[in-house]
Amino acid sequence: MIKALILHANGTNRDHDVAKALTLAGAAPEIVHLNALRERKNAFADYQMLVVPGGFSYGDSLGAGNLIALDLRTYFAEEVRSFVDSGKPVIGICNGFQALVKAGVLPDTTLDVNQKATLTFNERQHFECRWVTLKAQSSNCAWIKAGDELIACPVAHGEGRFQLANAAELDQLYADEQVALTYTHPDGATANGEYPLNPNGSIGDIAGVCNKAGNVLGLMPHPENHILPYQHPRWTRGESGQSGLTLFENGVKYAEQFL
């Protein structure tokens, strides 16, 4: 059984949610505080999967995900780079996605602050908490597969708008199979920036991106909050399906090669 390292910083609050998702997917998750990693009580290399969960790490002081990104880029730069370069699966969800981008792990693992992408304030300048529909786009991402059904899950963020320093980079992201997930209509039709289907105004309706190798995924929505049928918002009306559990099952299956 693979071991998944779930990072915890003060303020993180979705770590137990993603641990439940990984348990259902067949993994053995461990929630580890960053201080324990600094003190070498735990080691990145002991795990086959790395998860940076959602929540408000460090209270989002100095910006969403900025301080945990600083941790990753300074205290743990060597470990993070080694983990990514090994091909082991990494996922950052919401605050975790913000951290991976601002640490320079996504879209390209440079561990440099001068990134070509960022996650900034929602276009409508307010917090968004609503259910959205996601469609898999990349054929190169370890966390998704061609033919996966649409994912219905919630978003809960104020700084989730994916933007590029140069809009022309969007075509390159598609060419490199780095656009992993997009916001869509409930039937899978393109959102074309329509609100609230695209809740934050992200360029190209991007909900998640991966690195070129495909083992690192970052996304703003919370698939870990739709892993059981009764979590569907219309469960009491007899509707279900489009669970986020498949995404975690794909990640766990991929990680088994590193046992």
C-alpha atoms as a PDB file:
ATOM      1  CA  MET A   1       0.000   0.000   0.000  1.00  0.00           C
ATOM      2  CA  ILE A   2       1.412   3.384  -0.954  1.00  0.00           C
ATOM      3  CA  LYS A   3       2.106   6.021   1.691  1.00  0.00           C
ATOM      4  CA  ALA A   4       0.901   9.546   0.966  1.00  0.00           C
ATOM      5  CA  LEU A   5       2.490  12.530   2.703  1.00  0.00           C
ATOM      6  CA  ILE A   6      -0.100  15.231   3.414  1.00  0.00           C
ATOM      7  CA  LEU A   7       1.545  18.488   4.438  1.00  0.00           C
ATOM      8  CA  HIS A   8       0.033  20.426   7.326  1.00  0.00           C
ATOM      9  CA  ALA A   9       0.698  24.041   8.246  1.00  0.00           C
ATOM     10  CA  ASN A  10      -1.133  26.121  10.842  1.00  0.00           C
ATOM     11  CA  GLY A  11      -4.455  27.066   9.231  1.00  0.00           C
ATOM     12  CA  THR A  12      -4.675  24.092   6.878  1.00  0.00           C
ATOM     13  CA  ASN A  13      -8.179  22.618   7.185  1.00  0.00           C
ATOM     14  CA  ARG A  14      -8.775  20.198   4.298  1.00  0.00           C
ATOM     15  CA  ASP A  15      -6.059  17.711   5.230  1.00  0.00           C
ATOM     16  CA  HIS A  16      -8.467  15.229   6.837  1.00  0.00           C
ATOM     17  CA  ASP A  17     -10.818  15.505   3.849  1.00  0.00           C
ATOM     18  CA  VAL A  18      -8.100  14.506   1.395  1.00  0.00           C
ATOM     19  CA  ALA A  19      -6.882  11.796   3.791  1.00  0.00           C
ATOM     20  CA  LYS A  20     -10.361  10.255   3.653  1.00  0.00           C
ATOM     21  CA  ALA A  21     -10.317  10.410  -0.160  1.00  0.00           C
ATOM     22  CA  LEU A  22      -6.933   8.690  -0.310  1.00  0.00           C
ATOM     23  CA  THR A  23      -8.006   6.019   2.172  1.00  0.00           C
ATOM     24  CA  LEU A  24     -11.021   5.208   0.005  1.00  0.00           C
ATOM     25  CA  ALA A  25      -8.706   5.145  -3.026  1.00  0.00           C
ATOM     26  CA  GLY A  26      -6.508   2.525  -1.362  1.00  0.00           C
ATOM     27  CA  ALA A  27      -3.620   4.563   0.042  1.00  0.00           C
ATOM     28  CA  ALA A  28      -2.218   5.027   3.543  1.00  0.00           C
ATOM     29  CA  PRO A  29      -2.230   8.792   4.156  1.00  0.00           C
ATOM     30  CA  GLU A  30      -0.165  10.482   6.868  1.00  0.00           C
ATOM     31  CA  ILE A  31      -0.776  14.096   7.885  1.00  0.00           C
ATOM     32  CA  VAL A  32       2.574  15.603   8.859  1.00  0.00           C
ATOM     33  CA  HIS A  33       3.214  19.102  10.178  1.00  0.00           C
ATOM     34  CA  LEU A  34       5.887  21.045   8.329  1.00  0.00           C
ATOM     35  CA  ASN A  35       7.755  21.474  11.610  1.00  0.00           C
ATOM     36  CA  ALA A  36       8.198  17.700  11.857  1.00  0.00           C
ATOM     37  CA  LEU A  37       9.712  17.712   8.389  1.00  0.00           C
ATOM     38  CA  ARG A  38      12.038  20.576   9.312  1.00  0.00           C
ATOM     39  CA  GLU A  39      13.182  18.628  12.355  1.00  0.00           C
ATOM     40  CA  ARG A  40      13.753  15.560  10.144  1.00  0.00           C
ATOM     41  CA  LYS A  41      11.250  13.467  12.091  1.00  0.00           C
ATOM     42  CA  ASN A  42       9.757  12.542   8.713  1.00  0.00           C
ATOM     43  CA  ALA A  43      11.342  12.453   5.260  1.00  0.00           C
ATOM     44  CA  PHE A  44       9.776  13.162   1.868  1.00  0.00           C
ATOM     45  CA  ALA A  45      11.628  10.181   0.391  1.00  0.00           C
ATOM     46  CA  ASP A  46       9.718   7.762   2.641  1.00  0.00           C
ATOM     47  CA  TYR A  47       6.502   8.400   0.704  1.00  0.00           C
ATOM     48  CA  GLN A  48       5.196   7.577  -2.767  1.00  0.00           C
ATOM     49  CA  MET A  49       2.808  10.543  -3.006  1.00  0.00           C
ATOM     50  CA  LEU A  50       2.906  14.176  -1.889  1.00  0.00           C
ATOM     51  CA  VAL A  51      -0.233  16.212  -1.163  1.00  0.00           C
ATOM     52  CA  VAL A  52      -0.478  19.933  -0.419  1.00  0.00           C
ATOM     53  CA  PRO A  53      -4.084  20.234   0.765  1.00  0.00           C
ATOM     54  CA  GLY A  54      -6.547  23.083   0.873  1.00  0.00           C
ATOM     55  CA  GLY A  55      -7.297  25.440   3.717  1.00  0.00           C
ATOM     56  CA  PHE A  56      -5.864  28.745   4.792  1.00  0.00           C
ATOM     57  CA  SER A  57      -2.241  27.867   5.528  1.00  0.00           C
ATOM     58  CA  TYR A  58      -0.710  30.429   7.892  1.00  0.00           C
ATOM     59  CA  GLY A  59      -4.032  32.284   7.697  1.00  0.00           C
ATOM     60  CA  ASP A  60      -3.181  33.349   4.119  1.00  0.00           C
ATOM     61  CA  SER A  61      -0.995  36.063   5.624  1.00  0.00           C
ATOM     62  CA  LEU A  62       0.871  37.967   2.892  1.00  0.00           C
ATOM     63  CA  GLY A  63      -1.378  36.356   0.273  1.00  0.00           C
ATOM     64  CA  ALA A  64      -2.974  32.967  -0.352  1.00  0.00           C
ATOM     65  CA  GLY A  65      -0.386  30.192  -0.261  1.00  0.00           C
ATOM     66  CA  ASN A  66       2.579  32.582  -0.119  1.00  0.00           C
ATOM     67  CA  LEU A  67       4.083  31.481   3.190  1.00  0.00           C
ATOM     68  CA  ILE A  68       3.801  27.738   2.610  1.00  0.00           C
ATOM     69  CA  ALA A  69       5.268  28.392  -0.845  1.00  0.00           C
ATOM     70  CA  LEU A  70       8.196  30.082   0.895  1.00  0.00           C
ATOM     71  CA  ASP A  71       8.639  26.959   3.049  1.00  0.00           C
ATOM     72  CA  LEU A  72       8.681  24.714  -0.021  1.00  0.00           C
ATOM     73  CA  ARG A  73      11.105  26.959  -1.886  1.00  0.00           C
ATOM     74  CA  THR A  74      13.556  27.426   0.981  1.00  0.00           C
ATOM     75  CA  TYR A  75      13.478  24.758   3.705  1.00  0.00           C
ATOM     76  CA  PHE A  76      12.441  21.928   1.380  1.00  0.00           C
ATOM     77  CA  ALA A  77      13.667  22.931  -2.082  1.00  0.00           C
ATOM     78  CA  GLU A  78      15.956  19.930  -2.499  1.00  0.00           C
ATOM     79  CA  GLU A  79      13.358  17.442  -1.244  1.00  0.00           C
ATOM     80  CA  VAL A  80      10.586  18.883  -3.402  1.00  0.00           C
ATOM     81  CA  ARG A  81      12.718  18.945  -6.534  1.00  0.00           C
ATOM     82  CA  SER A  82      13.880  15.374  -5.913  1.00  0.00           C
ATOM     83  CA  PHE A  83      10.303  14.194  -5.348  1.00  0.00           C
ATOM     84  CA  VAL A  84       9.047  15.841  -8.533  1.00  0.00           C
ATOM     85  CA  ASP A  85      12.012  14.743 -10.633  1.00  0.00           C
ATOM     86  CA  SER A  86      11.583  11.146  -9.451  1.00  0.00           C
ATOM     87  CA  GLY A  87       8.214  11.065 -11.183  1.00  0.00           C
ATOM     88  CA  LYS A  88       6.248  10.428  -7.987  1.00  0.00           C
ATOM     89  CA  PRO A  89       2.727  11.934  -8.001  1.00  0.00           C
ATOM     90  CA  VAL A  90       2.150  15.322  -6.377  1.00  0.00           C
ATOM     91  CA  ILE A  91      -1.161  17.145  -5.996  1.00  0.00           C
ATOM     92  CA  GLY A  92      -1.975  20.614  -4.675  1.00  0.00           C
ATOM     93  CA  ILE A  93      -5.615  21.471  -4.037  1.00  0.00           C
ATOM     94  CA  CYS A  94      -6.894  25.055  -3.692  1.00  0.00           C
ATOM     95  CA  ASN A  95      -4.449  26.606  -1.198  1.00  0.00           C
ATOM     96  CA  GLY A  96      -2.097  23.793  -2.153  1.00  0.00           C
ATOM     97  CA  PHE A  97      -2.361  24.749  -5.830  1.00  0.00           C
ATOM     98  CA  GLN A  98      -1.616  28.367  -4.924  1.00  0.00           C
ATOM     99  CA  ALA A  99       1.420  27.180  -2.973  1.00  0.00           C
ATOM    100  CA  LEU A 100       2.770  25.003  -5.798  1.00  0.00           C
ATOM    101  CA  VAL A 101       2.438  27.832  -8.318  1.00  0.00           C
ATOM    102  CA  LYS A 102       3.983  30.454  -6.044  1.00  0.00           C
ATOM    103  CA  ALA A 103       6.783  28.096  -5.018  1.00  0.00           C
ATOM    104  CA  GLY A 104       7.707  27.585  -8.661  1.00  0.00           C
ATOM    105  CA  VAL A 105       6.644  23.929  -8.843  1.00  0.00           C
ATOM    106  CA  LEU A 106       3.897  24.602 -11.404  1.00  0.00           C
ATOM    107  CA  PRO A 107       3.586  25.044 -14.336  1.00  0.00           C
ATOM    108  CA  ASP A 108       7.360  24.384 -14.547  1.00  0.00           C
ATOM    109  CA  THR A 109       9.478  23.144 -11.663  1.00  0.00           C
ATOM    110  CA  THR A 110      11.965  25.987 -11.415  1.00  0.00           C
ATOM    111  CA  LEU A 111      11.503  26.761  -7.695  1.00  0.00           C
ATOM    112  CA  ASP A 112      11.822  30.363  -8.800  1.00  0.00           C
ATOM    113  CA  VAL A 113       9.593  33.283  -7.780  1.00  0.00           C
ATOM    114  CA  ASN A 114       9.673  34.619 -11.348  1.00  0.00           C
ATOM    115  CA  GLN A 115       6.932  32.371 -12.676  1.00  0.00           C
ATOM    116  CA  LYS A 116       4.960  32.726 -15.888  1.00  0.00           C
ATOM    117  CA  ALA A 117       1.697  32.018 -14.048  1.00  0.00           C
ATOM    118  CA  THR A 118      -0.091  32.986 -10.853  1.00  0.00           C
ATOM    119  CA  LEU A 119      -3.388  32.592  -9.022  1.00  0.00           C
ATOM    120  CA  THR A 120      -4.874  35.942  -8.175  1.00  0.00           C
ATOM    121  CA  PHE A 121      -8.108  37.525  -6.919  1.00  0.00           C
ATOM    122  CA  ASN A 122     -11.341  36.278  -8.433  1.00  0.00           C
ATOM    123  CA  GLU A 123     -12.591  38.414 -11.275  1.00  0.00           C
ATOM    124  CA  ARG A 124     -15.679  39.457  -9.309  1.00  0.00           C
ATOM    125  CA  GLN A 125     -13.562  40.387  -6.296  1.00  0.00           C
ATOM    126  CA  HIS A 126     -15.338  38.206  -3.773  1.00  0.00           C
ATOM    127  CA  PHE A 127     -15.095  34.764  -2.229  1.00  0.00           C
ATOM    128  CA  GLU A 128     -16.709  31.998  -4.295  1.00  0.00           C
ATOM    129  CA  CYS A 129     -18.312  28.990  -2.624  1.00  0.00           C
ATOM    130  CA  ARG A 130     -20.351  26.962  -5.120  1.00  0.00           C
ATOM    131  CA  TRP A 131     -20.410  23.675  -7.013  1.00  0.00           C
ATOM    132  CA  VAL A 132     -18.743  23.493 -10.423  1.00  0.00           C
ATOM    133  CA  THR A 133     -18.220  20.915 -13.159  1.00  0.00           C
ATOM    134  CA  LEU A 134     -14.756  19.878 -14.314  1.00  0.00           C
ATOM    135  CA  LYS A 135     -13.649  18.202 -17.525  1.00  0.00           C
ATOM    136  CA  ALA A 136     -10.359  16.354 -18.036  1.00  0.00           C
ATOM    137  CA  GLN A 137      -8.305  17.821 -20.877  1.00  0.00           C
ATOM    138  CA  SER A 138      -4.760  16.427 -20.677  1.00  0.00           C
ATOM    139  CA  SER A 139      -3.806  12.972 -21.945  1.00  0.00           C
ATOM    140  CA  ASN A 140      -0.486  13.243 -20.120  1.00  0.00           C
ATOM    141  CA  CYS A 141      -1.563  13.822 -16.514  1.00  0.00           C
ATOM    142  CA  ALA A 142      -1.163  10.871 -14.117  1.00  0.00           C
ATOM    143  CA  TRP A 143      -4.187  11.979 -12.098  1.00  0.00           C
ATOM    144  CA  ILE A 144      -6.715  11.874 -14.941  1.00  0.00           C
ATOM    145  CA  LYS A 145      -7.468   9.482 -17.790  1.00  0.00           C
ATOM    146  CA  ALA A 146      -9.163   9.791 -21.143  1.00  0.00           C
ATOM    147  CA  GLY A 147     -12.761   8.796 -20.700  1.00  0.00           C
ATOM    148  CA  ASP A 148     -13.006   9.851 -17.036  1.00  0.00           C
ATOM    149  CA  GLU A 149     -16.471  11.177 -16.347  1.00  0.00           C
ATOM    150  CA  LEU A 150     -16.983  14.826 -15.510  1.00  0.00           C
ATOM    151  CA  ILE A 151     -16.271  15.779 -11.902  1.00  0.00           C
ATOM    152  CA  ALA A 152     -18.795  17.765  -9.889  1.00  0.00           C
ATOM    153  CA  CYS A 153     -17.296  19.335  -6.779  1.00  0.00           C
ATOM    154  CA  PRO A 154     -17.220  22.596  -4.830  1.00  0.00           C
ATOM    155  CA  VAL A 155     -14.900  25.577  -5.015  1.00  0.00           C
ATOM    156  CA  ALA A 156     -14.184  27.747  -1.988  1.00  0.00           C
ATOM    157  CA  HIS A 157     -11.659  30.473  -2.672  1.00  0.00           C
ATOM    158  CA  GLY A 158     -11.097  34.190  -3.058  1.00  0.00           C
ATOM    159  CA  GLU A 159      -7.880  33.977  -5.092  1.00  0.00           C
ATOM    160  CA  GLY A 160      -8.424  31.287  -7.694  1.00  0.00           C
ATOM    161  CA  ARG A 161      -8.095  33.110 -11.015  1.00  0.00           C
ATOM    162  CA  PHE A 162      -5.365  31.426 -13.028  1.00  0.00           C
ATOM    163  CA  GLN A 163      -3.500  34.007 -15.054  1.00  0.00           C
ATOM    164  CA  LEU A 164      -0.443  34.012 -17.308  1.00  0.00           C
ATOM    165  CA  ALA A 165       2.152  36.748 -17.607  1.00  0.00           C
ATOM    166  CA  ASN A 166       1.798  36.351 -21.375  1.00  0.00           C
ATOM    167  CA  ALA A 167      -1.582  35.215 -22.712  1.00  0.00           C
ATOM    168  CA  ALA A 168       0.212  33.603 -25.663  1.00  0.00           C
ATOM    169  CA  GLU A 169       1.528  30.995 -23.217  1.00  0.00           C
ATOM    170  CA  LEU A 170      -1.961  29.471 -23.106  1.00  0.00           C
ATOM    171  CA  ASP A 171      -1.463  27.815 -26.497  1.00  0.00           C
ATOM    172  CA  GLN A 172       1.859  26.402 -25.299  1.00  0.00           C
ATOM    173  CA  LEU A 173       0.252  24.974 -22.164  1.00  0.00           C
ATOM    174  CA  TYR A 174      -2.259  23.156 -24.365  1.00  0.00           C
ATOM    175  CA  ALA A 175       0.485  21.984 -26.735  1.00  0.00           C
ATOM    176  CA  ASP A 176       2.441  20.576 -23.789  1.00  0.00           C
ATOM    177  CA  GLU A 177      -0.694  18.851 -22.384  1.00  0.00           C
ATOM    178  CA  GLN A 178      -0.445  20.963 -19.228  1.00  0.00           C
ATOM    179  CA  VAL A 179      -4.060  22.145 -19.139  1.00  0.00           C
ATOM    180  CA  ALA A 180      -5.399  19.301 -17.018  1.00  0.00           C
ATOM    181  CA  LEU A 181      -8.925  20.384 -16.043  1.00  0.00           C
ATOM    182  CA  THR A 182     -11.323  23.079 -17.211  1.00  0.00           C
ATOM    183  CA  TYR A 183     -14.589  24.489 -15.912  1.00  0.00           C
ATOM    184  CA  THR A 184     -17.555  23.450 -18.075  1.00  0.00           C
ATOM    185  CA  HIS A 185     -21.317  23.350 -18.285  1.00  0.00           C
ATOM    186  CA  PRO A 186     -22.853  20.430 -16.340  1.00  0.00           C
ATOM    187  CA  ASP A 187     -23.120  18.503 -19.619  1.00  0.00           C
ATOM    188  CA  GLY A 188     -19.463  19.082 -20.475  1.00  0.00           C
ATOM    189  CA  ALA A 189     -19.967  21.890 -22.983  1.00  0.00           C
ATOM    190  CA  THR A 190     -17.294  24.595 -22.995  1.00  0.00           C
ATOM    191  CA  ALA A 191     -17.886  27.342 -20.420  1.00  0.00           C
ATOM    192  CA  ASN A 192     -16.304  30.089 -22.565  1.00  0.00           C
ATOM    193  CA  GLY A 193     -15.630  32.174 -19.479  1.00  0.00           C
ATOM    194  CA  GLU A 194     -19.306  32.261 -18.486  1.00  0.00           C
ATOM    195  CA  TYR A 195     -19.957  33.040 -14.827  1.00  0.00           C
ATOM    196  CA  PRO A 196     -20.643  31.189 -12.564  1.00  0.00           C
ATOM    197  CA  LEU A 197     -19.584  28.123 -14.585  1.00  0.00           C
ATOM    198  CA  ASN A 198     -16.100  29.607 -14.479  1.00  0.00           C
ATOM    199  CA  PRO A 199     -16.318  30.998 -10.940  1.00  0.00           C
ATOM    200  CA  ASN A 200     -13.144  33.079 -10.858  1.00  0.00           C
ATOM    201  CA  GLY A 201     -12.463  34.270 -14.415  1.00  0.00           C
ATOM    202  CA  SER A 202      -9.453  31.998 -15.035  1.00  0.00           C
ATOM    203  CA  ILE A 203      -7.945  32.325 -18.506  1.00  0.00           C
ATOM    204  CA  GLY A 204      -9.118  29.530 -20.786  1.00  0.00           C
ATOM    205  CA  ASP A 205     -11.544  28.307 -18.097  1.00  0.00           C
ATOM    206  CA  ILE A 206      -8.561  26.602 -16.462  1.00  0.00           C
ATOM    207  CA  ALA A 207      -9.380  24.819 -13.211  1.00  0.00           C
ATOM    208  CA  GLY A 208      -6.161  22.795 -12.969  1.00  0.00           C
ATOM    209  CA  VAL A 209      -2.752  22.448 -14.591  1.00  0.00           C
ATOM    210  CA  CYS A 210      -0.006  19.836 -14.509  1.00  0.00           C
ATOM    211  CA  ASN A 211       3.715  19.909 -15.178  1.00  0.00           C
ATOM    212  CA  LYS A 212       5.107  18.691 -18.499  1.00  0.00           C
ATOM    213  CA  ALA A 213       5.926  15.261 -17.071  1.00  0.00           C
ATOM    214  CA  GLY A 214       2.333  14.917 -15.891  1.00  0.00           C
ATOM    215  CA  ASN A 215       3.032  13.747 -12.347  1.00  0.00           C
ATOM    216  CA  VAL A 216       2.267  17.086 -10.622  1.00  0.00           C
ATOM    217  CA  LEU A 217      -1.318  18.373 -10.632  1.00  0.00           C
ATOM    218  CA  GLY A 218      -2.677  21.564  -9.125  1.00  0.00           C
ATOM    219  CA  LEU A 219      -6.356  22.515  -9.105  1.00  0.00           C
ATOM    220  CA  MET A 220      -8.550  25.063  -7.353  1.00  0.00           C
ATOM    221  CA  PRO A 221     -11.755  22.992  -6.858  1.00  0.00           C
ATOM    222  CA  HIS A 222     -12.112  20.388  -4.105  1.00  0.00           C
ATOM    223  CA  PRO A 223     -12.662  16.868  -5.509  1.00  0.00           C
ATOM    224  CA  GLU A 224     -11.972  15.500  -2.012  1.00  0.00           C
ATOM    225  CA  ASN A 225     -15.317  16.980  -0.949  1.00  0.00           C
ATOM    226  CA  HIS A 226     -17.258  14.796  -3.343  1.00  0.00           C
ATOM    227  CA  ILE A 227     -16.089  11.246  -2.766  1.00  0.00           C
ATOM    228  CA  LEU A 228     -19.308   9.774  -1.349  1.00  0.00           C
ATOM    229  CA  PRO A 229     -22.713   9.657  -3.079  1.00  0.00           C
ATOM    230  CA  TYR A 230     -24.508  11.593  -0.341  1.00  0.00           C
ATOM    231  CA  GLN A 231     -22.155  14.551  -0.785  1.00  0.00           C
ATOM    232  CA  HIS A 232     -23.779  15.327  -4.144  1.00  0.00           C
ATOM    233  CA  PRO A 233     -25.789  18.557  -3.735  1.00  0.00           C
ATOM    234  CA  ARG A 234     -28.912  16.932  -5.220  1.00  0.00           C
ATOM    235  CA  TRP A 235     -28.551  13.597  -3.447  1.00  0.00           C
ATOM    236  CA  THR A 236     -31.900  14.003  -1.681  1.00  0.00           C
ATOM    237  CA  ARG A 237     -33.534  14.409  -5.110  1.00  0.00           C
ATOM    238  CA  GLY A 238     -32.136  11.134  -6.346  1.00  0.00           C
ATOM    239  CA  GLU A 239     -29.111  12.472  -8.248  1.00  0.00           C
ATOM    240  CA  SER A 240     -25.545  11.233  -7.856  1.00  0.00           C
ATOM    241  CA  GLY A 241     -22.408  10.558  -9.887  1.00  0.00           C
ATOM    242  CA  GLN A 242     -19.478  12.634 -11.170  1.00  0.00           C
ATOM    243  CA  SER A 243     -17.543  11.897  -7.993  1.00  0.00           C
ATOM    244  CA  GLY A 244     -14.050  13.222  -7.422  1.00  0.00           C
ATOM    245  CA  LEU A 245     -12.865   9.864  -6.070  1.00  0.00           C
ATOM    246  CA  THR A 246     -11.709   8.675  -9.515  1.00  0.00           C
ATOM    247  CA  LEU A 247      -9.034  11.371  -9.563  1.00  0.00           C
ATOM    248  CA  PHE A 248      -7.503  10.013  -6.348  1.00  0.00           C
ATOM    249  CA  GLU A 249      -7.818   6.413  -7.524  1.00  0.00           C
ATOM    250  CA  ASN A 250      -5.853   7.353 -10.646  1.00  0.00           C
ATOM    251  CA  GLY A 251      -3.144   8.990  -8.531  1.00  0.00           C
ATOM    252  CA  VAL A 252      -2.859   6.011  -6.189  1.00  0.00           C
ATOM    253  CA  LYS A 253      -2.700   3.551  -9.078  1.00  0.00           C
ATOM    254  CA  TYR A 254       0.088   5.580 -10.675  1.00  0.00           C
ATOM    255  CA  ALA A 255       2.012   5.772  -7.383  1.00  0.00           C
ATOM    256  CA  GLU A 256       2.121   1.986  -6.978  1.00  0.00           C
ATOM    257  CA  GLN A 257       5.092   1.786  -9.358  1.00  0.00           C
ATOM    258  CA  PHE A 258       7.202   3.557  -6.708  1.00  0.00           C
ATOM    259  CA  LEU A 259       6.665   0.956  -3.969  1.00  0.00           C
END
